[in-house]
C-alpha atoms as a PDB file:
ATOM      1  CA  MET A   1      13.803  38.536 -24.363  1.00  0.00           C
ATOM      2  CA  ASN A   2      12.471  37.019 -20.937  1.00  0.00           C
ATOM      3  CA  LEU A   3      10.184  34.233 -20.153  1.00  0.00           C
ATOM      4  CA  GLY A   4       8.358  36.879 -18.306  1.00  0.00           C
ATOM      5  CA  GLU A   5       7.827  39.112 -21.603  1.00  0.00           C
ATOM      6  CA  LEU A   6       6.300  35.549 -23.673  1.00  0.00           C
ATOM      7  CA  SER A   7       2.211  36.439 -24.103  1.00  0.00           C
ATOM      8  CA  PRO A   8      -0.047  34.440 -26.269  1.00  0.00           C
ATOM      9  CA  PRO A   9      -0.618  35.745 -29.610  1.00  0.00           C
ATOM     10  CA  LYS A  10      -4.200  37.810 -29.920  1.00  0.00           C
ATOM     11  CA  GLY A  11      -7.282  36.288 -29.547  1.00  0.00           C
ATOM     12  CA  ALA A  12      -5.764  33.030 -28.357  1.00  0.00           C
ATOM     13  CA  VAL A  13      -7.055  33.505 -24.740  1.00  0.00           C
ATOM     14  CA  LYS A  14     -10.818  33.987 -24.320  1.00  0.00           C
ATOM     15  CA  LYS A  15     -11.952  35.473 -21.132  1.00  0.00           C
ATOM     16  CA  LYS A  16     -13.771  33.426 -18.208  1.00  0.00           C
ATOM     17  CA  LYS A  17     -16.985  33.472 -18.393  1.00  0.00           C
ATOM     18  CA  ARG A  18     -18.681  34.953 -15.421  1.00  0.00           C
ATOM     19  CA  VAL A  19     -21.993  34.374 -14.655  1.00  0.00           C
ATOM     20  CA  GLY A  20     -24.154  35.968 -11.328  1.00  0.00           C
ATOM     21  CA  ARG A  21     -22.730  39.145 -12.489  1.00  0.00           C
ATOM     22  CA  GLY A  22     -26.598  41.143 -13.750  1.00  0.00           C
ATOM     23  CA  THR A  23     -28.287  40.717 -17.077  1.00  0.00           C
ATOM     24  CA  SER A  24     -26.273  42.937 -18.877  1.00  0.00           C
ATOM     25  CA  SER A  25     -23.510  40.778 -18.595  1.00  0.00           C
ATOM     26  CA  GLY A  26     -25.795  37.917 -20.496  1.00  0.00           C
ATOM     27  CA  HIS A  27     -25.012  35.724 -17.877  1.00  0.00           C
ATOM     28  CA  GLY A  28     -27.047  37.443 -14.841  1.00  0.00           C
ATOM     29  CA  GLN A  29     -30.875  35.924 -13.524  1.00  0.00           C
ATOM     30  CA  THR A  30     -30.825  32.160 -13.867  1.00  0.00           C
ATOM     31  CA  SER A  31     -26.810  32.067 -14.567  1.00  0.00           C
ATOM     32  CA  CYS A  32     -27.113  30.276 -17.547  1.00  0.00           C
ATOM     33  CA  ARG A  33     -28.997  27.318 -15.964  1.00  0.00           C
ATOM     34  CA  GLY A  34     -32.629  27.714 -17.500  1.00  0.00           C
ATOM     35  CA  HIS A  35     -35.969  28.092 -15.376  1.00  0.00           C
ATOM     36  CA  LYS A  36     -36.626  25.658 -12.351  1.00  0.00           C
ATOM     37  CA  GLY A  37     -35.973  21.776 -12.323  1.00  0.00           C
ATOM     38  CA  GLN A  38     -33.149  19.782 -10.308  1.00  0.00           C
ATOM     39  CA  LYS A  39     -29.965  21.394 -12.547  1.00  0.00           C
ATOM     40  CA  ALA A  40     -31.113  24.880 -11.429  1.00  0.00           C
ATOM     41  CA  ARG A  41     -30.770  24.647  -7.860  1.00  0.00           C
ATOM     42  CA  SER A  42     -27.480  24.123  -6.178  1.00  0.00           C
ATOM     43  CA  GLY A  43     -26.351  20.814  -5.502  1.00  0.00           C
ATOM     44  CA  GLY A  44     -28.919  19.389  -7.600  1.00  0.00           C
ATOM     45  CA  ASN A  45     -27.442  17.020 -11.103  1.00  0.00           C
ATOM     46  CA  VAL A  46     -28.299  13.306 -11.706  1.00  0.00           C
ATOM     47  CA  PRO A  47     -25.099  10.730 -10.980  1.00  0.00           C
ATOM     48  CA  PRO A  48     -23.624   9.098 -14.733  1.00  0.00           C
ATOM     49  CA  TRP A  49     -25.397   6.605 -14.430  1.00  0.00           C
ATOM     50  CA  PHE A  50     -29.062   7.441 -13.845  1.00  0.00           C
ATOM     51  CA  GLU A  51     -31.330   6.536 -16.502  1.00  0.00           C
ATOM     52  CA  GLY A  52     -34.278   9.366 -16.655  1.00  0.00           C
ATOM     53  CA  GLY A  53     -36.109   7.477 -14.057  1.00  0.00           C
ATOM     54  CA  GLN A  54     -35.877   4.276 -16.632  1.00  0.00           C
ATOM     55  CA  MET A  55     -35.536   0.866 -15.126  1.00  0.00           C
ATOM     56  CA  PRO A  56     -31.311   0.711 -14.929  1.00  0.00           C
ATOM     57  CA  LEU A  57     -29.623  -1.758 -16.401  1.00  0.00           C
ATOM     58  CA  THR A  58     -27.999  -3.494 -13.987  1.00  0.00           C
ATOM     59  CA  ARG A  59     -31.684  -3.998 -12.564  1.00  0.00           C
ATOM     60  CA  ARG A  60     -32.734  -5.139 -15.988  1.00  0.00           C
ATOM     61  CA  LEU A  61     -30.236  -7.838 -16.704  1.00  0.00           C
ATOM     62  CA  PRO A  62     -31.117 -11.509 -15.053  1.00  0.00           C
ATOM     63  CA  LYS A  63     -29.402 -12.685 -12.033  1.00  0.00           C
ATOM     64  CA  ARG A  64     -28.458 -16.129 -11.829  1.00  0.00           C
ATOM     65  CA  GLY A  65     -26.851 -18.569  -9.761  1.00  0.00           C
ATOM     66  CA  PHE A  66     -24.996 -17.443  -6.445  1.00  0.00           C
ATOM     67  CA  VAL A  67     -20.936 -15.943  -6.122  1.00  0.00           C
ATOM     68  CA  ASN A  68     -19.519 -17.146  -2.770  1.00  0.00           C
ATOM     69  CA  PRO A  69     -17.630 -13.848  -1.635  1.00  0.00           C
ATOM     70  CA  ARG A  70     -15.349 -16.052   0.402  1.00  0.00           C
ATOM     71  CA  ARG A  71     -14.374 -18.655  -2.158  1.00  0.00           C
ATOM     72  CA  LYS A  72     -10.901 -20.109  -2.217  1.00  0.00           C
ATOM     73  CA  LYS A  73      -9.098 -19.135  -5.660  1.00  0.00           C
ATOM     74  CA  PHE A  74      -6.564 -22.675  -6.099  1.00  0.00           C
ATOM     75  CA  VAL A  75      -3.855 -22.702  -8.945  1.00  0.00           C
ATOM     76  CA  VAL A  76      -4.472 -26.272 -10.675  1.00  0.00           C
ATOM     77  CA  ILE A  77      -1.041 -28.239 -11.759  1.00  0.00           C
ATOM     78  CA  ASN A  78      -0.774 -31.495 -12.991  1.00  0.00           C
ATOM     79  CA  LEU A  79       1.698 -33.858 -12.571  1.00  0.00           C
ATOM     80  CA  LYS A  80       2.706 -34.296 -16.522  1.00  0.00           C
ATOM     81  CA  ASP A  81       4.101 -30.172 -15.584  1.00  0.00           C
ATOM     82  CA  LEU A  82       6.355 -31.192 -12.951  1.00  0.00           C
ATOM     83  CA  ASN A  83       8.587 -33.591 -14.970  1.00  0.00           C
ATOM     84  CA  ARG A  84      10.437 -30.641 -15.814  1.00  0.00           C
ATOM     85  CA  PHE A  85      12.179 -30.449 -11.975  1.00  0.00           C
ATOM     86  CA  SER A  86      14.957 -32.561 -11.050  1.00  0.00           C
ATOM     87  CA  GLU A  87      14.793 -36.217  -8.654  1.00  0.00           C
ATOM     88  CA  GLY A  88      14.393 -34.939  -5.036  1.00  0.00           C
ATOM     89  CA  SER A  89      13.865 -31.814  -5.888  1.00  0.00           C
ATOM     90  CA  VAL A  90      11.000 -29.907  -2.612  1.00  0.00           C
ATOM     91  CA  LEU A  91       8.487 -28.149  -4.423  1.00  0.00           C
ATOM     92  CA  ASP A  92       6.699 -25.757  -2.300  1.00  0.00           C
ATOM     93  CA  PHE A  93       4.263 -22.192  -3.439  1.00  0.00           C
ATOM     94  CA  GLN A  94       8.239 -20.254  -4.000  1.00  0.00           C
ATOM     95  CA  THR A  95       9.784 -22.383  -6.411  1.00  0.00           C
ATOM     96  CA  LEU A  96       6.616 -23.459  -8.431  1.00  0.00           C
ATOM     97  CA  ARG A  97       6.187 -19.106  -8.507  1.00  0.00           C
ATOM     98  CA  GLN A  98       9.516 -18.716 -10.425  1.00  0.00           C
ATOM     99  CA  SER A  99       9.674 -21.543 -12.248  1.00  0.00           C
ATOM    100  CA  GLY A 100       6.302 -19.904 -13.733  1.00  0.00           C
ATOM    101  CA  LEU A 101       3.704 -22.646 -12.854  1.00  0.00           C
ATOM    102  CA  VAL A 102       1.753 -20.330 -10.571  1.00  0.00           C
ATOM    103  CA  LYS A 103       0.818 -16.424 -11.763  1.00  0.00           C
ATOM    104  CA  GLY A 104      -0.849 -14.210 -10.027  1.00  0.00           C
ATOM    105  CA  LYS A 105      -2.924 -14.062  -6.883  1.00  0.00           C
ATOM    106  CA  CYS A 106      -4.075 -17.168  -5.605  1.00  0.00           C
ATOM    107  CA  ASP A 107      -5.090 -18.610  -1.921  1.00  0.00           C
ATOM    108  CA  GLY A 108      -3.151 -22.590  -2.569  1.00  0.00           C
ATOM    109  CA  ILE A 109      -1.961 -25.179  -5.033  1.00  0.00           C
ATOM    110  CA  LYS A 110      -3.010 -28.679  -6.203  1.00  0.00           C
ATOM    111  CA  ILE A 111      -1.393 -30.890  -7.521  1.00  0.00           C
ATOM    112  CA  LEU A 112      -4.355 -33.074 -10.218  1.00  0.00           C
ATOM    113  CA  GLY A 113      -3.111 -36.513 -11.876  1.00  0.00           C
ATOM    114  CA  LYS A 114      -3.163 -36.078 -15.161  1.00  0.00           C
ATOM    115  CA  GLY A 115      -0.081 -37.473 -16.711  1.00  0.00           C
ATOM    116  CA  THR A 116       2.774 -39.574 -15.251  1.00  0.00           C
ATOM    117  CA  ILE A 117       5.858 -38.083 -13.178  1.00  0.00           C
ATOM    118  CA  SER A 118       9.104 -40.112 -13.970  1.00  0.00           C
ATOM    119  CA  HIS A 119      10.988 -39.056 -10.788  1.00  0.00           C
ATOM    120  CA  SER A 120      10.837 -39.029  -7.175  1.00  0.00           C
ATOM    121  CA  LEU A 121       9.819 -35.634  -6.108  1.00  0.00           C
ATOM    122  CA  VAL A 122       8.880 -34.097  -2.191  1.00  0.00           C
ATOM    123  CA  LEU A 123       5.578 -31.456  -2.487  1.00  0.00           C
ATOM    124  CA  LYS A 124       4.423 -28.921  -0.080  1.00  0.00           C
ATOM    125  CA  VAL A 125       0.834 -27.585  -1.453  1.00  0.00           C
ATOM    126  CA  ASP A 126      -2.564 -27.180  -0.186  1.00  0.00           C
ATOM    127  CA  GLY A 127      -4.239 -30.075  -2.000  1.00  0.00           C
ATOM    128  CA  ILE A 128      -3.776 -32.791  -4.192  1.00  0.00           C
ATOM    129  CA  SER A 129      -5.196 -35.727  -5.220  1.00  0.00           C
ATOM    130  CA  GLN A 130      -5.929 -39.193  -4.564  1.00  0.00           C
ATOM    131  CA  SER A 131      -4.433 -40.538  -7.662  1.00  0.00           C
ATOM    132  CA  ALA A 132      -2.064 -37.567  -8.019  1.00  0.00           C
ATOM    133  CA  ARG A 133      -0.638 -38.956  -4.630  1.00  0.00           C
ATOM    134  CA  GLU A 134      -0.427 -42.612  -5.199  1.00  0.00           C
ATOM    135  CA  LYS A 135       1.022 -41.571  -8.529  1.00  0.00           C
ATOM    136  CA  ILE A 136       4.444 -39.545  -6.714  1.00  0.00           C
ATOM    137  CA  GLU A 137       4.547 -41.465  -3.663  1.00  0.00           C
ATOM    138  CA  SER A 138       4.758 -44.864  -6.123  1.00  0.00           C
ATOM    139  CA  MET A 139       8.173 -43.504  -7.077  1.00  0.00           C
ATOM    140  CA  GLY A 140       9.123 -42.927  -3.457  1.00  0.00           C
ATOM    141  CA  GLY A 141       8.509 -39.204  -3.569  1.00  0.00           C
ATOM    142  CA  LYS A 142       6.623 -37.462  -0.541  1.00  0.00           C
ATOM    143  CA  VAL A 143       3.410 -35.027  -0.724  1.00  0.00           C
ATOM    144  CA  GLU A 144       3.154 -32.630   2.585  1.00  0.00           C
ATOM    145  CA  ILE A 145      -0.241 -31.406   2.794  1.00  0.00           C
ATOM    146  CA  ILE A 146      -0.044 -27.565   4.590  1.00  0.00           C
END
């Protein structure tokens, strides 16, 4: 037996419906489209979201507030999370991402002053709160805004 000799069992394959081949075929005249109307025309069909002239769902729901399309997304890191790093280490975007503190897409990193820090660090970040800057500099660390 060869692959070319294989055939499906009898009754498993149906013939393709050939529309528009005369009235005796059973699929002639209107070619199974019914009479007139949008769906009978060539290229005429409604998109999946069309609700039959009813007010669409997106227009029925209330709109509130304003979403700035150019907003910047900052990852917020607290001082208590920086205690895991050794003294004198330089923390920039790459090291914070490798440590798992920064995940996903972001436009920058901001350090906030929640918690305390027990040793000096060198930070290269996009933003820092005043209290966090004071705590880091009091321990002998440095902050560089990039």
